């Protein structure tokens, strides 16, 4: 299978997907670590791809998403951005609703 097709399938088949250096339990760079922390604060499960152990994805993903750096967060098939955008969205309270909607959970209501 063509690598671009593989990337497309990963993006389409995962509601929340993070391309990162390392894994959520062992991030291999500060940007990936901060992005994982922001995602974990949302309280939802997410998929990830370690680009360090997938060099073909690492070299082709920037062209696929027209985004040159890592990590890259994809939600519902759309590129959200990298570390700065994700952490800023989390600080503003914009990330959790986006993730919750992509996962398909209704916000809980009191009463």
C-alpha atoms as a PDB file:
ATOM      1  CA  UNK A   1       0.000   0.000   0.000  1.00  0.00           C
ATOM      2  CA  UNK A   2       1.211   3.494  -0.817  1.00  0.00           C
ATOM      3  CA  UNK A   3       2.381   5.448   2.254  1.00  0.00           C
ATOM      4  CA  UNK A   4       0.051   8.356   1.488  1.00  0.00           C
ATOM      5  CA  UNK A   5      -2.855   5.889   1.382  1.00  0.00           C
ATOM      6  CA  UNK A   6      -1.727   4.477   4.739  1.00  0.00           C
ATOM      7  CA  UNK A   7      -1.668   7.973   6.266  1.00  0.00           C
ATOM      8  CA  UNK A   8      -5.088   8.778   4.775  1.00  0.00           C
ATOM      9  CA  UNK A   9      -6.552   5.595   6.272  1.00  0.00           C
ATOM     10  CA  UNK A  10      -5.018   6.337   9.689  1.00  0.00           C
ATOM     11  CA  UNK A  11      -6.489   9.855   9.673  1.00  0.00           C
ATOM     12  CA  UNK A  12      -9.921   8.684   8.488  1.00  0.00           C
ATOM     13  CA  UNK A  13     -10.164   5.664  10.804  1.00  0.00           C
ATOM     14  CA  UNK A  14      -9.229   7.409  14.064  1.00  0.00           C
ATOM     15  CA  UNK A  15     -11.442  10.131  15.524  1.00  0.00           C
ATOM     16  CA  UNK A  16      -8.478  11.579  17.416  1.00  0.00           C
ATOM     17  CA  UNK A  17      -4.987  10.833  16.124  1.00  0.00           C
ATOM     18  CA  UNK A  18      -1.673  12.252  17.240  1.00  0.00           C
ATOM     19  CA  UNK A  19       1.465  11.871  15.152  1.00  0.00           C
ATOM     20  CA  UNK A  20       4.236  12.317  17.684  1.00  0.00           C
ATOM     21  CA  UNK A  21       7.793  11.501  18.633  1.00  0.00           C
ATOM     22  CA  UNK A  22       7.631   8.547  21.011  1.00  0.00           C
ATOM     23  CA  UNK A  23       4.504   7.351  22.789  1.00  0.00           C
ATOM     24  CA  UNK A  24       2.097   9.013  25.232  1.00  0.00           C
ATOM     25  CA  UNK A  25       3.830   7.156  28.078  1.00  0.00           C
ATOM     26  CA  UNK A  26       7.316   8.011  26.799  1.00  0.00           C
ATOM     27  CA  UNK A  27       7.297  11.128  24.621  1.00  0.00           C
ATOM     28  CA  UNK A  28      10.646  11.711  22.938  1.00  0.00           C
ATOM     29  CA  UNK A  29      10.472  15.511  22.714  1.00  0.00           C
ATOM     30  CA  UNK A  30       9.073  18.367  24.771  1.00  0.00           C
ATOM     31  CA  UNK A  31       6.554  19.403  22.111  1.00  0.00           C
ATOM     32  CA  UNK A  32       5.098  15.890  21.947  1.00  0.00           C
ATOM     33  CA  UNK A  33       5.039  15.733  25.756  1.00  0.00           C
ATOM     34  CA  UNK A  34       3.104  19.006  26.090  1.00  0.00           C
ATOM     35  CA  UNK A  35       0.647  17.976  23.366  1.00  0.00           C
ATOM     36  CA  UNK A  36       0.017  14.620  25.074  1.00  0.00           C
ATOM     37  CA  UNK A  37      -0.592  16.395  28.402  1.00  0.00           C
ATOM     38  CA  UNK A  38      -3.174  18.685  26.762  1.00  0.00           C
ATOM     39  CA  UNK A  39      -4.918  15.700  25.157  1.00  0.00           C
ATOM     40  CA  UNK A  40      -4.889  13.650  28.354  1.00  0.00           C
ATOM     41  CA  UNK A  41      -6.476  16.560  30.208  1.00  0.00           C
ATOM     42  CA  UNK A  42      -9.506  16.087  27.917  1.00  0.00           C
ATOM     43  CA  UNK A  43     -10.103  12.668  29.469  1.00  0.00           C
ATOM     44  CA  UNK A  44     -10.650  10.787  26.201  1.00  0.00           C
ATOM     45  CA  UNK A  45      -8.681   7.987  24.578  1.00  0.00           C
ATOM     46  CA  UNK A  46      -6.763   8.855  21.449  1.00  0.00           C
ATOM     47  CA  UNK A  47      -4.703   7.004  18.868  1.00  0.00           C
ATOM     48  CA  UNK A  48      -1.094   7.851  18.171  1.00  0.00           C
ATOM     49  CA  UNK A  49       1.633   7.030  15.684  1.00  0.00           C
ATOM     50  CA  UNK A  50       5.280   7.179  16.731  1.00  0.00           C
ATOM     51  CA  UNK A  51       6.971   8.860  13.776  1.00  0.00           C
ATOM     52  CA  UNK A  52      10.408   7.898  15.094  1.00  0.00           C
ATOM     53  CA  UNK A  53       9.656   4.215  14.533  1.00  0.00           C
ATOM     54  CA  UNK A  54       7.837   4.970  11.253  1.00  0.00           C
ATOM     55  CA  UNK A  55      10.363   6.939   9.158  1.00  0.00           C
ATOM     56  CA  UNK A  56       8.291   6.655   5.986  1.00  0.00           C
ATOM     57  CA  UNK A  57       5.340   8.325   7.718  1.00  0.00           C
ATOM     58  CA  UNK A  58       7.679  10.903   9.245  1.00  0.00           C
ATOM     59  CA  UNK A  59       9.023  11.880   5.829  1.00  0.00           C
ATOM     60  CA  UNK A  60       5.635  11.945   4.025  1.00  0.00           C
ATOM     61  CA  UNK A  61       3.178  13.301   6.601  1.00  0.00           C
ATOM     62  CA  UNK A  62       4.275  16.954   6.203  1.00  0.00           C
ATOM     63  CA  UNK A  63       3.277  16.801   2.516  1.00  0.00           C
ATOM     64  CA  UNK A  64      -0.014  15.020   3.324  1.00  0.00           C
ATOM     65  CA  UNK A  65      -1.198  17.645   5.787  1.00  0.00           C
ATOM     66  CA  UNK A  66       0.783  20.580   4.426  1.00  0.00           C
ATOM     67  CA  UNK A  67       2.184  21.014   7.951  1.00  0.00           C
ATOM     68  CA  UNK A  68       5.988  20.799   8.341  1.00  0.00           C
ATOM     69  CA  UNK A  69       6.442  19.990  12.018  1.00  0.00           C
ATOM     70  CA  UNK A  70       5.580  17.383  14.643  1.00  0.00           C
ATOM     71  CA  UNK A  71       3.541  16.613  16.625  1.00  0.00           C
ATOM     72  CA  UNK A  72       0.422  16.813  14.474  1.00  0.00           C
ATOM     73  CA  UNK A  73      -3.069  16.417  15.936  1.00  0.00           C
ATOM     74  CA  UNK A  74      -5.832  15.231  13.632  1.00  0.00           C
ATOM     75  CA  UNK A  75      -9.444  15.283  14.850  1.00  0.00           C
ATOM     76  CA  UNK A  76     -12.338  13.917  12.786  1.00  0.00           C
ATOM     77  CA  UNK A  77     -10.130  13.806   9.715  1.00  0.00           C
ATOM     78  CA  UNK A  78      -9.013  17.436  10.019  1.00  0.00           C
ATOM     79  CA  UNK A  79      -5.558  18.708  10.911  1.00  0.00           C
ATOM     80  CA  UNK A  80      -5.832  20.789  14.077  1.00  0.00           C
ATOM     81  CA  UNK A  81      -2.159  21.698  14.314  1.00  0.00           C
ATOM     82  CA  UNK A  82       0.905  21.233  16.446  1.00  0.00           C
ATOM     83  CA  UNK A  83       1.935  21.779  20.030  1.00  0.00           C
ATOM     84  CA  UNK A  84       1.341  25.542  20.270  1.00  0.00           C
ATOM     85  CA  UNK A  85      -2.135  25.383  18.753  1.00  0.00           C
ATOM     86  CA  UNK A  86      -3.187  22.337  20.802  1.00  0.00           C
ATOM     87  CA  UNK A  87      -1.939  23.736  24.127  1.00  0.00           C
ATOM     88  CA  UNK A  88      -3.505  27.121  23.405  1.00  0.00           C
ATOM     89  CA  UNK A  89      -6.845  25.470  22.593  1.00  0.00           C
ATOM     90  CA  UNK A  90      -6.621  23.456  25.817  1.00  0.00           C
ATOM     91  CA  UNK A  91      -5.892  26.596  27.875  1.00  0.00           C
ATOM     92  CA  UNK A  92      -8.886  28.380  26.311  1.00  0.00           C
ATOM     93  CA  UNK A  93     -11.192  25.413  26.948  1.00  0.00           C
ATOM     94  CA  UNK A  94     -11.656  24.770  23.221  1.00  0.00           C
ATOM     95  CA  UNK A  95      -9.884  21.407  22.951  1.00  0.00           C
ATOM     96  CA  UNK A  96     -12.081  19.214  25.192  1.00  0.00           C
ATOM     97  CA  UNK A  97     -15.373  20.050  23.403  1.00  0.00           C
ATOM     98  CA  UNK A  98     -13.712  19.360  20.048  1.00  0.00           C
ATOM     99  CA  UNK A  99     -12.346  16.009  21.250  1.00  0.00           C
ATOM    100  CA  UNK A 100     -15.626  15.060  22.962  1.00  0.00           C
ATOM    101  CA  UNK A 101     -17.589  15.805  19.793  1.00  0.00           C
ATOM    102  CA  UNK A 102     -15.189  13.773  17.648  1.00  0.00           C
ATOM    103  CA  UNK A 103     -15.410  10.816  20.037  1.00  0.00           C
ATOM    104  CA  UNK A 104     -19.205  11.132  19.993  1.00  0.00           C
ATOM    105  CA  UNK A 105     -19.887  11.839  23.627  1.00  0.00           C
ATOM    106  CA  UNK A 106     -22.578  14.219  24.667  1.00  0.00           C
ATOM    107  CA  UNK A 107     -21.513  16.783  27.256  1.00  0.00           C
ATOM    108  CA  UNK A 108     -22.796  15.814  30.673  1.00  0.00           C
ATOM    109  CA  UNK A 109     -25.478  18.027  32.175  1.00  0.00           C
ATOM    110  CA  UNK A 110     -26.244  18.507  35.816  1.00  0.00           C
ATOM    111  CA  UNK A 111     -29.764  18.098  37.083  1.00  0.00           C
END
